[in-house]
């Protein structure tokens, strides 16, 4: 099952300091709005999201329907299909996508070590 583009979403304390740090590692701003306390940064195919005050812990993030350049894919597994598959495998969902909708939606699962995984579809 293809989950889409992968990134790490970091819960940062100071978005300006984090931006400066990651720029020193060769990352450039790819998206987001620093005045709204979130940025997406890219270095080659590596993506990281910097989020100040939006969540408590770092997240593994997958974006169904997007490639690593945030371009829509012609075909992909919808987040609701992924959700049905996860449920059929006995995976407990912390947040669920509304099955009665289409388009953008998200779900959250937690791995055995407590790491949150966000599957966030924007298309």
PDB file of N, CA and C in Angstrom:
ATOM      1  N   UNK A   1       0.846  -1.171   0.000  1.00  0.00           N
ATOM      2  CA  UNK A   1       0.000   0.000   0.000  1.00  0.00           C
ATOM      3  C   UNK A   1       0.897   1.241   0.000  1.00  0.00           C
ATOM      4  N   UNK A   2       0.704   2.112  -0.963  1.00  0.00           N
ATOM      5  CA  UNK A   2       1.479   3.344  -1.091  1.00  0.00           C
ATOM      6  C   UNK A   2       0.845   4.429  -0.218  1.00  0.00           C
ATOM      7  N   UNK A   3       1.639   5.027   0.676  1.00  0.00           N
ATOM      8  CA  UNK A   3       1.128   6.037   1.601  1.00  0.00           C
ATOM      9  C   UNK A   3       1.362   7.468   1.130  1.00  0.00           C
ATOM     10  N   UNK A   4       2.124   7.658   0.068  1.00  0.00           N
ATOM     11  CA  UNK A   4       2.361   8.998  -0.450  1.00  0.00           C
ATOM     12  C   UNK A   4       3.677   9.578   0.045  1.00  0.00           C
ATOM     13  N   UNK A   5       3.850  10.870  -0.186  1.00  0.00           N
ATOM     14  CA  UNK A   5       5.088  11.562   0.184  1.00  0.00           C
ATOM     15  C   UNK A   5       5.321  11.447   1.680  1.00  0.00           C
ATOM     16  N   UNK A   6       6.582  11.278   2.072  1.00  0.00           N
ATOM     17  CA  UNK A   6       6.940  11.124   3.478  1.00  0.00           C
ATOM     18  C   UNK A   6       7.709  12.335   3.967  1.00  0.00           C
ATOM     19  N   UNK A   7       7.406  12.769   5.179  1.00  0.00           N
ATOM     20  CA  UNK A   7       8.172  13.828   5.835  1.00  0.00           C
ATOM     21  C   UNK A   7       8.108  13.618   7.344  1.00  0.00           C
ATOM     22  N   UNK A   8       8.999  14.303   8.018  1.00  0.00           N
ATOM     23  CA  UNK A   8       8.967  14.359   9.476  1.00  0.00           C
ATOM     24  C   UNK A   8       8.393  15.720   9.842  1.00  0.00           C
ATOM     25  N   UNK A   9       7.401  15.737  10.701  1.00  0.00           N
ATOM     26  CA  UNK A   9       6.829  16.984  11.191  1.00  0.00           C
ATOM     27  C   UNK A   9       7.361  17.211  12.603  1.00  0.00           C
ATOM     28  N   UNK A  10       8.153  18.253  12.753  1.00  0.00           N
ATOM     29  CA  UNK A  10       8.811  18.525  14.025  1.00  0.00           C
ATOM     30  C   UNK A  10       8.051  19.574  14.825  1.00  0.00           C
ATOM     31  N   UNK A  11       7.796  19.273  16.083  1.00  0.00           N
ATOM     32  CA  UNK A  11       7.214  20.241  17.016  1.00  0.00           C
ATOM     33  C   UNK A  11       8.372  21.078  17.548  1.00  0.00           C
ATOM     34  N   UNK A  12       8.488  22.321  17.076  1.00  0.00           N
ATOM     35  CA  UNK A  12       9.628  23.159  17.437  1.00  0.00           C
ATOM     36  C   UNK A  12       9.220  24.232  18.438  1.00  0.00           C
ATOM     37  N   UNK A  13      10.200  24.685  19.222  1.00  0.00           N
ATOM     38  CA  UNK A  13       9.959  25.729  20.225  1.00  0.00           C
ATOM     39  C   UNK A  13      10.081  27.126  19.643  1.00  0.00           C
ATOM     40  N   UNK A  14      10.980  27.303  18.674  1.00  0.00           N
ATOM     41  CA  UNK A  14      11.249  28.607  18.075  1.00  0.00           C
ATOM     42  C   UNK A  14      11.437  28.393  16.583  1.00  0.00           C
ATOM     43  N   UNK A  15      10.418  28.713  15.798  1.00  0.00           N
ATOM     44  CA  UNK A  15      10.461  28.398  14.372  1.00  0.00           C
ATOM     45  C   UNK A  15      11.582  29.141  13.656  1.00  0.00           C
ATOM     46  N   UNK A  16      11.884  30.361  14.068  1.00  0.00           N
ATOM     47  CA  UNK A  16      12.970  31.118  13.426  1.00  0.00           C
ATOM     48  C   UNK A  16      14.317  30.450  13.677  1.00  0.00           C
ATOM     49  N   UNK A  17      14.553  30.031  14.904  1.00  0.00           N
ATOM     50  CA  UNK A  17      15.813  29.357  15.230  1.00  0.00           C
ATOM     51  C   UNK A  17      15.909  28.021  14.500  1.00  0.00           C
ATOM     52  N   UNK A  18      14.808  27.290  14.422  1.00  0.00           N
ATOM     53  CA  UNK A  18      14.809  26.005  13.724  1.00  0.00           C
ATOM     54  C   UNK A  18      15.044  26.203  12.232  1.00  0.00           C
ATOM     55  N   UNK A  19      14.412  27.217  11.651  1.00  0.00           N
ATOM     56  CA  UNK A  19      14.621  27.497  10.229  1.00  0.00           C
ATOM     57  C   UNK A  19      16.101  27.769   9.963  1.00  0.00           C
ATOM     58  N   UNK A  20      16.695  28.630  10.771  1.00  0.00           N
ATOM     59  CA  UNK A  20      18.109  28.975  10.609  1.00  0.00           C
ATOM     60  C   UNK A  20      18.985  27.736  10.713  1.00  0.00           C
ATOM     61  N   UNK A  21      18.707  26.887  11.700  1.00  0.00           N
ATOM     62  CA  UNK A  21      19.482  25.665  11.883  1.00  0.00           C
ATOM     63  C   UNK A  21      19.390  24.763  10.652  1.00  0.00           C
ATOM     64  N   UNK A  22      18.176  24.489  10.189  1.00  0.00           N
ATOM     65  CA  UNK A  22      18.012  23.576   9.063  1.00  0.00           C
ATOM     66  C   UNK A  22      18.531  24.175   7.757  1.00  0.00           C
ATOM     67  N   UNK A  23      18.510  25.491   7.630  1.00  0.00           N
ATOM     68  CA  UNK A  23      19.128  26.113   6.460  1.00  0.00           C
ATOM     69  C   UNK A  23      20.635  25.856   6.461  1.00  0.00           C
ATOM     70  N   UNK A  24      21.247  25.836   7.633  1.00  0.00           N
ATOM     71  CA  UNK A  24      22.676  25.521   7.730  1.00  0.00           C
ATOM     72  C   UNK A  24      22.972  24.087   7.295  1.00  0.00           C
ATOM     73  N   UNK A  25      21.974  23.205   7.396  1.00  0.00           N
ATOM     74  CA  UNK A  25      22.121  21.820   6.943  1.00  0.00           C
ATOM     75  C   UNK A  25      21.791  21.673   5.452  1.00  0.00           C
ATOM     76  N   UNK A  26      21.463  22.782   4.799  1.00  0.00           N
ATOM     77  CA  UNK A  26      21.179  22.747   3.372  1.00  0.00           C
ATOM     78  C   UNK A  26      19.714  22.699   2.992  1.00  0.00           C
ATOM     79  N   UNK A  27      18.816  22.778   3.954  1.00  0.00           N
ATOM     80  CA  UNK A  27      17.389  22.806   3.655  1.00  0.00           C
ATOM     81  C   UNK A  27      16.979  24.206   3.209  1.00  0.00           C
ATOM     82  N   UNK A  28      15.992  24.276   2.318  1.00  0.00           N
ATOM     83  CA  UNK A  28      15.414  25.549   1.899  1.00  0.00           C
ATOM     84  C   UNK A  28      13.911  25.504   2.132  1.00  0.00           C
ATOM     85  N   UNK A  29      13.316  26.664   2.304  1.00  0.00           N
ATOM     86  CA  UNK A  29      11.870  26.734   2.512  1.00  0.00           C
ATOM     87  C   UNK A  29      11.178  26.307   1.222  1.00  0.00           C
ATOM     88  N   UNK A  30      10.272  25.367   1.358  1.00  0.00           N
ATOM     89  CA  UNK A  30       9.543  24.791   0.236  1.00  0.00           C
ATOM     90  C   UNK A  30       8.076  25.209   0.267  1.00  0.00           C
ATOM     91  N   UNK A  31       7.566  25.477   1.454  1.00  0.00           N
ATOM     92  CA  UNK A  31       6.162  25.856   1.613  1.00  0.00           C
ATOM     93  C   UNK A  31       5.906  26.319   3.028  1.00  0.00           C
ATOM     94  N   UNK A  32       4.670  26.713   3.271  1.00  0.00           N
ATOM     95  CA  UNK A  32       4.289  27.141   4.606  1.00  0.00           C
ATOM     96  C   UNK A  32       4.309  28.642   4.766  1.00  0.00           C
ATOM     97  N   UNK A  33       4.168  29.082   5.998  1.00  0.00           N
ATOM     98  CA  UNK A  33       4.111  30.507   6.321  1.00  0.00           C
ATOM     99  C   UNK A  33       4.680  30.691   7.721  1.00  0.00           C
ATOM    100  N   UNK A  34       5.880  31.245   7.791  1.00  0.00           N
ATOM    101  CA  UNK A  34       6.532  31.405   9.093  1.00  0.00           C
ATOM    102  C   UNK A  34       5.710  32.283  10.029  1.00  0.00           C
ATOM    103  N   UNK A  35       4.968  33.265   9.507  1.00  0.00           N
ATOM    104  CA  UNK A  35       4.145  34.125  10.365  1.00  0.00           C
ATOM    105  C   UNK A  35       2.996  33.350  10.992  1.00  0.00           C
ATOM    106  N   UNK A  36       2.654  32.193  10.416  1.00  0.00           N
ATOM    107  CA  UNK A  36       1.622  31.314  10.982  1.00  0.00           C
ATOM    108  C   UNK A  36       2.249  30.159  11.757  1.00  0.00           C
ATOM    109  N   UNK A  37       3.570  30.223  11.962  1.00  0.00           N
ATOM    110  CA  UNK A  37       4.325  29.238  12.754  1.00  0.00           C
ATOM    111  C   UNK A  37       4.426  27.857  12.123  1.00  0.00           C
ATOM    112  N   UNK A  38       4.482  27.800  10.793  1.00  0.00           N
ATOM    113  CA  UNK A  38       4.746  26.514  10.148  1.00  0.00           C
ATOM    114  C   UNK A  38       5.481  26.727   8.838  1.00  0.00           C
ATOM    115  N   UNK A  39       6.441  25.839   8.580  1.00  0.00           N
ATOM    116  CA  UNK A  39       7.220  25.841   7.346  1.00  0.00           C
ATOM    117  C   UNK A  39       7.457  24.401   6.906  1.00  0.00           C
ATOM    118  N   UNK A  40       7.521  24.202   5.604  1.00  0.00           N
ATOM    119  CA  UNK A  40       7.961  22.931   5.036  1.00  0.00           C
ATOM    120  C   UNK A  40       9.310  23.229   4.391  1.00  0.00           C
ATOM    121  N   UNK A  41      10.304  22.416   4.728  1.00  0.00           N
ATOM    122  CA  UNK A  41      11.657  22.627   4.207  1.00  0.00           C
ATOM    123  C   UNK A  41      12.109  21.383   3.470  1.00  0.00           C
ATOM    124  N   UNK A  42      12.958  21.601   2.464  1.00  0.00           N
ATOM    125  CA  UNK A  42      13.361  20.498   1.597  1.00  0.00           C
ATOM    126  C   UNK A  42      14.864  20.546   1.358  1.00  0.00           C
ATOM    127  N   UNK A  43      15.460  19.351   1.322  1.00  0.00           N
ATOM    128  CA  UNK A  43      16.858  19.171   0.951  1.00  0.00           C
ATOM    129  C   UNK A  43      16.885  17.931   0.077  1.00  0.00           C
ATOM    130  N   UNK A  44      17.003  18.107  -1.241  1.00  0.00           N
ATOM    131  CA  UNK A  44      16.867  16.975  -2.151  1.00  0.00           C
ATOM    132  C   UNK A  44      15.472  16.396  -2.032  1.00  0.00           C
ATOM    133  N   UNK A  45      15.383  15.102  -1.794  1.00  0.00           N
ATOM    134  CA  UNK A  45      14.079  14.451  -1.621  1.00  0.00           C
ATOM    135  C   UNK A  45      13.624  14.459  -0.159  1.00  0.00           C
ATOM    136  N   UNK A  46      14.480  14.928   0.751  1.00  0.00           N
ATOM    137  CA  UNK A  46      14.140  14.940   2.190  1.00  0.00           C
ATOM    138  C   UNK A  46      13.240  16.128   2.509  1.00  0.00           C
ATOM    139  N   UNK A  47      12.161  15.854   3.195  1.00  0.00           N
ATOM    140  CA  UNK A  47      11.206  16.885   3.608  1.00  0.00           C
ATOM    141  C   UNK A  47      11.063  16.891   5.120  1.00  0.00           C
ATOM    142  N   UNK A  48      11.062  18.095   5.688  1.00  0.00           N
ATOM    143  CA  UNK A  48      10.737  18.243   7.107  1.00  0.00           C
ATOM    144  C   UNK A  48       9.730  19.385   7.240  1.00  0.00           C
ATOM    145  N   UNK A  49       8.843  19.238   8.186  1.00  0.00           N
ATOM    146  CA  UNK A  49       7.919  20.312   8.521  1.00  0.00           C
ATOM    147  C   UNK A  49       8.300  20.847   9.887  1.00  0.00           C
ATOM    148  N   UNK A  50       8.311  22.162  10.008  1.00  0.00           N
ATOM    149  CA  UNK A  50       8.567  22.813  11.300  1.00  0.00           C
ATOM    150  C   UNK A  50       7.253  23.422  11.759  1.00  0.00           C
ATOM    151  N   UNK A  51       6.790  23.039  12.940  1.00  0.00           N
ATOM    152  CA  UNK A  51       5.499  23.483  13.446  1.00  0.00           C
ATOM    153  C   UNK A  51       5.655  23.962  14.883  1.00  0.00           C
ATOM    154  N   UNK A  52       5.447  25.231  15.100  1.00  0.00           N
ATOM    155  CA  UNK A  52       5.559  25.800  16.447  1.00  0.00           C
ATOM    156  C   UNK A  52       4.170  25.956  17.051  1.00  0.00           C
ATOM    157  N   UNK A  53       3.957  25.276  18.196  1.00  0.00           N
ATOM    158  CA  UNK A  53       2.702  25.422  18.928  1.00  0.00           C
ATOM    159  C   UNK A  53       1.514  24.691  18.332  1.00  0.00           C
ATOM    160  N   UNK A  54       1.732  23.782  17.410  1.00  0.00           N
ATOM    161  CA  UNK A  54       0.613  23.096  16.760  1.00  0.00           C
ATOM    162  C   UNK A  54       0.371  21.696  17.291  1.00  0.00           C
ATOM    163  N   UNK A  55       1.400  21.048  17.797  1.00  0.00           N
ATOM    164  CA  UNK A  55       1.254  19.741  18.424  1.00  0.00           C
ATOM    165  C   UNK A  55       2.427  19.529  19.370  1.00  0.00           C
ATOM    166  N   UNK A  56       2.280  18.546  20.269  1.00  0.00           N
ATOM    167  CA  UNK A  56       3.267  18.352  21.331  1.00  0.00           C
ATOM    168  C   UNK A  56       4.475  17.528  20.918  1.00  0.00           C
ATOM    169  N   UNK A  57       4.280  16.537  20.080  1.00  0.00           N
ATOM    170  CA  UNK A  57       5.350  15.607  19.732  1.00  0.00           C
ATOM    171  C   UNK A  57       5.623  15.650  18.236  1.00  0.00           C
ATOM    172  N   UNK A  58       6.793  15.163  17.854  1.00  0.00           N
ATOM    173  CA  UNK A  58       7.118  14.994  16.444  1.00  0.00           C
ATOM    174  C   UNK A  58       6.221  13.929  15.838  1.00  0.00           C
ATOM    175  N   UNK A  59       5.945  14.055  14.541  1.00  0.00           N
ATOM    176  CA  UNK A  59       5.087  13.111  13.832  1.00  0.00           C
ATOM    177  C   UNK A  59       5.793  12.592  12.587  1.00  0.00           C
ATOM    178  N   UNK A  60       5.552  11.338  12.270  1.00  0.00           N
ATOM    179  CA  UNK A  60       5.871  10.828  10.940  1.00  0.00           C
ATOM    180  C   UNK A  60       4.662  11.187  10.080  1.00  0.00           C
ATOM    181  N   UNK A  61       4.879  11.773   8.922  1.00  0.00           N
ATOM    182  CA  UNK A  61       3.760  12.236   8.100  1.00  0.00           C
ATOM    183  C   UNK A  61       3.834  11.638   6.705  1.00  0.00           C
ATOM    184  N   UNK A  62       2.695  11.166   6.227  1.00  0.00           N
ATOM    185  CA  UNK A  62       2.551  10.676   4.863  1.00  0.00           C
ATOM    186  C   UNK A  62       1.426  11.457   4.206  1.00  0.00           C
ATOM    187  N   UNK A  63       1.605  11.806   2.934  1.00  0.00           N
ATOM    188  CA  UNK A  63       0.600  12.558   2.194  1.00  0.00           C
ATOM    189  C   UNK A  63       0.146  11.785   0.963  1.00  0.00           C
ATOM    190  N   UNK A  64      -0.932  10.991   1.095  1.00  0.00           N
ATOM    191  CA  UNK A  64      -1.465  10.290  -0.075  1.00  0.00           C
ATOM    192  C   UNK A  64      -1.843  11.296  -1.166  1.00  0.00           C
ATOM    193  N   UNK A  65      -1.537  10.946  -2.409  1.00  0.00           N
ATOM    194  CA  UNK A  65      -1.901  11.800  -3.534  1.00  0.00           C
ATOM    195  C   UNK A  65      -0.844  12.807  -3.917  1.00  0.00           C
ATOM    196  N   UNK A  66       0.241  12.895  -3.146  1.00  0.00           N
ATOM    197  CA  UNK A  66       1.323  13.833  -3.457  1.00  0.00           C
ATOM    198  C   UNK A  66       2.627  13.098  -3.666  1.00  0.00           C
ATOM    199  N   UNK A  67       3.469  13.661  -4.563  1.00  0.00           N
ATOM    200  CA  UNK A  67       4.848  13.214  -4.633  1.00  0.00           C
ATOM    201  C   UNK A  67       5.679  14.109  -3.719  1.00  0.00           C
ATOM    202  N   UNK A  68       6.995  13.936  -3.693  1.00  0.00           N
ATOM    203  CA  UNK A  68       7.833  14.694  -2.763  1.00  0.00           C
ATOM    204  C   UNK A  68       7.968  16.171  -3.136  1.00  0.00           C
ATOM    205  N   UNK A  69       7.404  16.566  -4.283  1.00  0.00           N
ATOM    206  CA  UNK A  69       7.361  17.978  -4.669  1.00  0.00           C
ATOM    207  C   UNK A  69       5.974  18.573  -4.449  1.00  0.00           C
ATOM    208  N   UNK A  70       5.125  17.871  -3.714  1.00  0.00           N
ATOM    209  CA  UNK A  70       3.749  18.288  -3.424  1.00  0.00           C
ATOM    210  C   UNK A  70       2.924  18.441  -4.699  1.00  0.00           C
ATOM    211  N   UNK A  71       3.257  17.636  -5.690  1.00  0.00           N
ATOM    212  CA  UNK A  71       2.480  17.611  -6.926  1.00  0.00           C
ATOM    213  C   UNK A  71       1.517  16.431  -6.865  1.00  0.00           C
ATOM    214  N   UNK A  72       0.297  16.681  -7.328  1.00  0.00           N
ATOM    215  CA  UNK A  72      -0.731  15.645  -7.291  1.00  0.00           C
ATOM    216  C   UNK A  72      -0.354  14.473  -8.184  1.00  0.00           C
ATOM    217  N   UNK A  73      -0.572  13.277  -7.657  1.00  0.00           N
ATOM    218  CA  UNK A  73      -0.335  12.051  -8.409  1.00  0.00           C
ATOM    219  C   UNK A  73      -1.595  11.697  -9.205  1.00  0.00           C
ATOM    220  N   UNK A  74      -1.436  11.100 -10.388  1.00  0.00           N
ATOM    221  CA  UNK A  74      -2.619  10.757 -11.188  1.00  0.00           C
ATOM    222  C   UNK A  74      -3.472   9.655 -10.548  1.00  0.00           C
ATOM    223  N   UNK A  75      -2.843   8.775  -9.798  1.00  0.00           N
ATOM    224  CA  UNK A  75      -3.572   7.697  -9.118  1.00  0.00           C
ATOM    225  C   UNK A  75      -2.913   7.468  -7.767  1.00  0.00           C
ATOM    226  N   UNK A  76      -3.724   7.214  -6.751  1.00  0.00           N
ATOM    227  CA  UNK A  76      -3.202   6.982  -5.406  1.00  0.00           C
ATOM    228  C   UNK A  76      -4.273   6.330  -4.547  1.00  0.00           C
ATOM    229  N   UNK A  77      -3.835   5.751  -3.431  1.00  0.00           N
ATOM    230  CA  UNK A  77      -4.766   5.163  -2.466  1.00  0.00           C
ATOM    231  C   UNK A  77      -5.346   6.288  -1.611  1.00  0.00           C
ATOM    232  N   UNK A  78      -6.650   6.444  -1.643  1.00  0.00           N
ATOM    233  CA  UNK A  78      -7.331   7.459  -0.843  1.00  0.00           C
ATOM    234  C   UNK A  78      -7.163   7.147   0.639  1.00  0.00           C
ATOM    235  N   UNK A  79      -7.082   8.189   1.456  1.00  0.00           N
ATOM    236  CA  UNK A  79      -6.886   8.014   2.899  1.00  0.00           C
ATOM    237  C   UNK A  79      -7.980   7.131   3.512  1.00  0.00           C
ATOM    238  N   UNK A  80      -9.191   7.193   2.977  1.00  0.00           N
ATOM    239  CA  UNK A  80     -10.273   6.357   3.516  1.00  0.00           C
ATOM    240  C   UNK A  80     -10.050   4.881   3.172  1.00  0.00           C
ATOM    241  N   UNK A  81      -9.453   4.609   1.993  1.00  0.00           N
ATOM    242  CA  UNK A  81      -9.093   3.228   1.642  1.00  0.00           C
ATOM    243  C   UNK A  81      -7.975   2.731   2.553  1.00  0.00           C
ATOM    244  N   UNK A  82      -7.003   3.599   2.807  1.00  0.00           N
ATOM    245  CA  UNK A  82      -5.917   3.249   3.727  1.00  0.00           C
ATOM    246  C   UNK A  82      -6.491   2.959   5.109  1.00  0.00           C
ATOM    247  N   UNK A  83      -7.432   3.787   5.543  1.00  0.00           N
ATOM    248  CA  UNK A  83      -8.067   3.608   6.847  1.00  0.00           C
ATOM    249  C   UNK A  83      -8.773   2.260   6.935  1.00  0.00           C
ATOM    250  N   UNK A  84      -9.534   1.911   5.910  1.00  0.00           N
ATOM    251  CA  UNK A  84     -10.237   0.606   5.919  1.00  0.00           C
ATOM    252  C   UNK A  84      -9.233  -0.537   5.978  1.00  0.00           C
ATOM    253  N   UNK A  85      -8.134  -0.410   5.235  1.00  0.00           N
ATOM    254  CA  UNK A  85      -7.107  -1.450   5.266  1.00  0.00           C
ATOM    255  C   UNK A  85      -6.498  -1.577   6.662  1.00  0.00           C
ATOM    256  N   UNK A  86      -6.143  -0.448   7.271  1.00  0.00           N
ATOM    257  CA  UNK A  86      -5.544  -0.485   8.610  1.00  0.00           C
ATOM    258  C   UNK A  86      -6.491  -1.136   9.616  1.00  0.00           C
ATOM    259  N   UNK A  87      -7.759  -0.766   9.562  1.00  0.00           N
ATOM    260  CA  UNK A  87      -8.749  -1.358  10.469  1.00  0.00           C
ATOM    261  C   UNK A  87      -8.856  -2.864  10.253  1.00  0.00           C
ATOM    262  N   UNK A  88      -8.807  -3.285   8.974  1.00  0.00           N
ATOM    263  CA  UNK A  88      -8.910  -4.722   8.687  1.00  0.00           C
ATOM    264  C   UNK A  88      -7.696  -5.483   9.227  1.00  0.00           C
ATOM    265  N   UNK A  89      -6.584  -4.774   9.437  1.00  0.00           N
ATOM    266  CA  UNK A  89      -5.369  -5.367   9.989  1.00  0.00           C
ATOM    267  C   UNK A  89      -5.327  -5.265  11.518  1.00  0.00           C
ATOM    268  N   UNK A  90      -6.385  -4.703  12.114  1.00  0.00           N
ATOM    269  CA  UNK A  90      -6.450  -4.595  13.565  1.00  0.00           C
ATOM    270  C   UNK A  90      -5.710  -3.398  14.137  1.00  0.00           C
ATOM    271  N   UNK A  91      -5.354  -2.431  13.289  1.00  0.00           N
ATOM    272  CA  UNK A  91      -4.657  -1.232  13.762  1.00  0.00           C
ATOM    273  C   UNK A  91      -5.680  -0.280  14.376  1.00  0.00           C
ATOM    274  N   UNK A  92      -5.398   0.197  15.584  1.00  0.00           N
ATOM    275  CA  UNK A  92      -6.269   1.152  16.261  1.00  0.00           C
ATOM    276  C   UNK A  92      -5.963   2.554  15.760  1.00  0.00           C
ATOM    277  N   UNK A  93      -7.001   3.284  15.383  1.00  0.00           N
ATOM    278  CA  UNK A  93      -6.842   4.654  14.919  1.00  0.00           C
ATOM    279  C   UNK A  93      -7.136   5.622  16.061  1.00  0.00           C
ATOM    280  N   UNK A  94      -6.274   6.615  16.216  1.00  0.00           N
ATOM    281  CA  UNK A  94      -6.460   7.651  17.235  1.00  0.00           C
ATOM    282  C   UNK A  94      -7.417   8.714  16.710  1.00  0.00           C
ATOM    283  N   UNK A  95      -7.292   9.040  15.436  1.00  0.00           N
ATOM    284  CA  UNK A  95      -8.217   9.931  14.733  1.00  0.00           C
ATOM    285  C   UNK A  95      -8.571   9.259  13.421  1.00  0.00           C
ATOM    286  N   UNK A  96      -9.827   9.389  13.013  1.00  0.00           N
ATOM    287  CA  UNK A  96     -10.273   8.751  11.783  1.00  0.00           C
ATOM    288  C   UNK A  96     -10.728   9.783  10.766  1.00  0.00           C
ATOM    289  N   UNK A  97     -10.569   9.435   9.492  1.00  0.00           N
ATOM    290  CA  UNK A  97     -11.124  10.234   8.402  1.00  0.00           C
ATOM    291  C   UNK A  97     -12.614   9.930   8.311  1.00  0.00           C
ATOM    292  N   UNK A  98     -13.395  10.925   7.955  1.00  0.00           N
ATOM    293  CA  UNK A  98     -14.838  10.757   7.793  1.00  0.00           C
ATOM    294  C   UNK A  98     -15.084   9.954   6.517  1.00  0.00           C
ATOM    295  N   UNK A  99     -15.624   8.760   6.674  1.00  0.00           N
ATOM    296  CA  UNK A  99     -15.854   7.857   5.542  1.00  0.00           C
ATOM    297  C   UNK A  99     -16.911   8.383   4.570  1.00  0.00           C
ATOM    298  N   UNK A 100     -17.735   9.334   4.993  1.00  0.00           N
ATOM    299  CA  UNK A 100     -18.800   9.840   4.123  1.00  0.00           C
ATOM    300  C   UNK A 100     -18.332  10.985   3.226  1.00  0.00           C
ATOM    301  N   UNK A 101     -17.045  11.349   3.313  1.00  0.00           N
ATOM    302  CA  UNK A 101     -16.528  12.460   2.530  1.00  0.00           C
ATOM    303  C   UNK A 101     -15.589  11.962   1.437  1.00  0.00           C
ATOM    304  N   UNK A 102     -15.184  12.889   0.592  1.00  0.00           N
ATOM    305  CA  UNK A 102     -14.171  12.628  -0.434  1.00  0.00           C
ATOM    306  C   UNK A 102     -13.177  13.785  -0.369  1.00  0.00           C
ATOM    307  N   UNK A 103     -11.999  13.584  -0.935  1.00  0.00           N
ATOM    308  CA  UNK A 103     -11.006  14.657  -0.963  1.00  0.00           C
ATOM    309  C   UNK A 103     -10.189  14.710   0.306  1.00  0.00           C
ATOM    310  N   UNK A 104      -9.744  15.919   0.690  1.00  0.00           N
ATOM    311  CA  UNK A 104      -8.848  16.069   1.835  1.00  0.00           C
ATOM    312  C   UNK A 104      -9.415  15.469   3.130  1.00  0.00           C
ATOM    313  N   UNK A 105      -8.555  14.749   3.833  1.00  0.00           N
ATOM    314  CA  UNK A 105      -8.912  14.155   5.123  1.00  0.00           C
ATOM    315  C   UNK A 105      -7.631  13.601   5.732  1.00  0.00           C
ATOM    316  N   UNK A 106      -7.707  13.245   7.002  1.00  0.00           N
ATOM    317  CA  UNK A 106      -6.519  12.673   7.647  1.00  0.00           C
ATOM    318  C   UNK A 106      -6.921  11.650   8.704  1.00  0.00           C
ATOM    319  N   UNK A 107      -5.924  10.850   9.071  1.00  0.00           N
ATOM    320  CA  UNK A 107      -6.083   9.909  10.168  1.00  0.00           C
ATOM    321  C   UNK A 107      -4.774   9.875  10.941  1.00  0.00           C
ATOM    322  N   UNK A 108      -4.846   9.400  12.169  1.00  0.00           N
ATOM    323  CA  UNK A 108      -3.654   9.285  13.012  1.00  0.00           C
ATOM    324  C   UNK A 108      -3.649   7.908  13.662  1.00  0.00           C
ATOM    325  N   UNK A 109      -2.481   7.257  13.618  1.00  0.00           N
ATOM    326  CA  UNK A 109      -2.250   6.012  14.334  1.00  0.00           C
ATOM    327  C   UNK A 109      -1.001   6.194  15.192  1.00  0.00           C
ATOM    328  N   UNK A 110      -0.828   5.324  16.166  1.00  0.00           N
ATOM    329  CA  UNK A 110       0.337   5.377  17.044  1.00  0.00           C
ATOM    330  C   UNK A 110       1.018   4.015  16.988  1.00  0.00           C
ATOM    331  N   UNK A 111       2.337   4.024  16.762  1.00  0.00           N
ATOM    332  CA  UNK A 111       3.065   2.760  16.694  1.00  0.00           C
ATOM    333  C   UNK A 111       3.298   2.205  18.103  1.00  0.00           C
ATOM    334  N   UNK A 112       3.816   0.988  18.233  1.00  0.00           N
ATOM    335  CA  UNK A 112       3.985   0.370  19.550  1.00  0.00           C
ATOM    336  C   UNK A 112       4.886   1.149  20.512  1.00  0.00           C
ATOM    337  N   UNK A 113       5.719   2.056  19.975  1.00  0.00           N
ATOM    338  CA  UNK A 113       6.600   2.847  20.830  1.00  0.00           C
ATOM    339  C   UNK A 113       6.048   4.230  21.145  1.00  0.00           C
ATOM    340  N   UNK A 114       4.814   4.487  20.738  1.00  0.00           N
ATOM    341  CA  UNK A 114       4.186   5.763  21.042  1.00  0.00           C
ATOM    342  C   UNK A 114       4.415   6.851  20.003  1.00  0.00           C
ATOM    343  N   UNK A 115       5.040   6.508  18.870  1.00  0.00           N
ATOM    344  CA  UNK A 115       5.257   7.492  17.813  1.00  0.00           C
ATOM    345  C   UNK A 115       3.971   7.692  17.017  1.00  0.00           C
ATOM    346  N   UNK A 116       3.566   8.942  16.872  1.00  0.00           N
ATOM    347  CA  UNK A 116       2.355   9.225  16.106  1.00  0.00           C
ATOM    348  C   UNK A 116       2.672   9.258  14.621  1.00  0.00           C
ATOM    349  N   UNK A 117       1.750   8.713  13.840  1.00  0.00           N
ATOM    350  CA  UNK A 117       1.864   8.700  12.386  1.00  0.00           C
ATOM    351  C   UNK A 117       0.610   9.372  11.829  1.00  0.00           C
ATOM    352  N   UNK A 118       0.840  10.466  11.113  1.00  0.00           N
ATOM    353  CA  UNK A 118      -0.244  11.232  10.486  1.00  0.00           C
ATOM    354  C   UNK A 118      -0.287  10.874   9.017  1.00  0.00           C
ATOM    355  N   UNK A 119      -1.455  10.447   8.546  1.00  0.00           N
ATOM    356  CA  UNK A 119      -1.668  10.232   7.124  1.00  0.00           C
ATOM    357  C   UNK A 119      -2.647  11.321   6.708  1.00  0.00           C
ATOM    358  N   UNK A 120      -2.100  12.306   6.001  1.00  0.00           N
ATOM    359  CA  UNK A 120      -2.781  13.583   5.751  1.00  0.00           C
ATOM    360  C   UNK A 120      -2.907  13.825   4.257  1.00  0.00           C
ATOM    361  N   UNK A 121      -4.107  13.612   3.736  1.00  0.00           N
ATOM    362  CA  UNK A 121      -4.371  13.773   2.305  1.00  0.00           C
ATOM    363  C   UNK A 121      -4.882  15.179   2.034  1.00  0.00           C
ATOM    364  N   UNK A 122      -4.237  15.879   1.085  1.00  0.00           N
ATOM    365  CA  UNK A 122      -4.595  17.250   0.749  1.00  0.00           C
ATOM    366  C   UNK A 122      -5.364  17.360  -0.565  1.00  0.00           C
ATOM    367  N   UNK A 123      -5.478  16.262  -1.311  1.00  0.00           N
ATOM    368  CA  UNK A 123      -6.153  16.320  -2.620  1.00  0.00           C
ATOM    369  C   UNK A 123      -7.421  15.480  -2.596  1.00  0.00           C
TER     370      UNK A 123
END
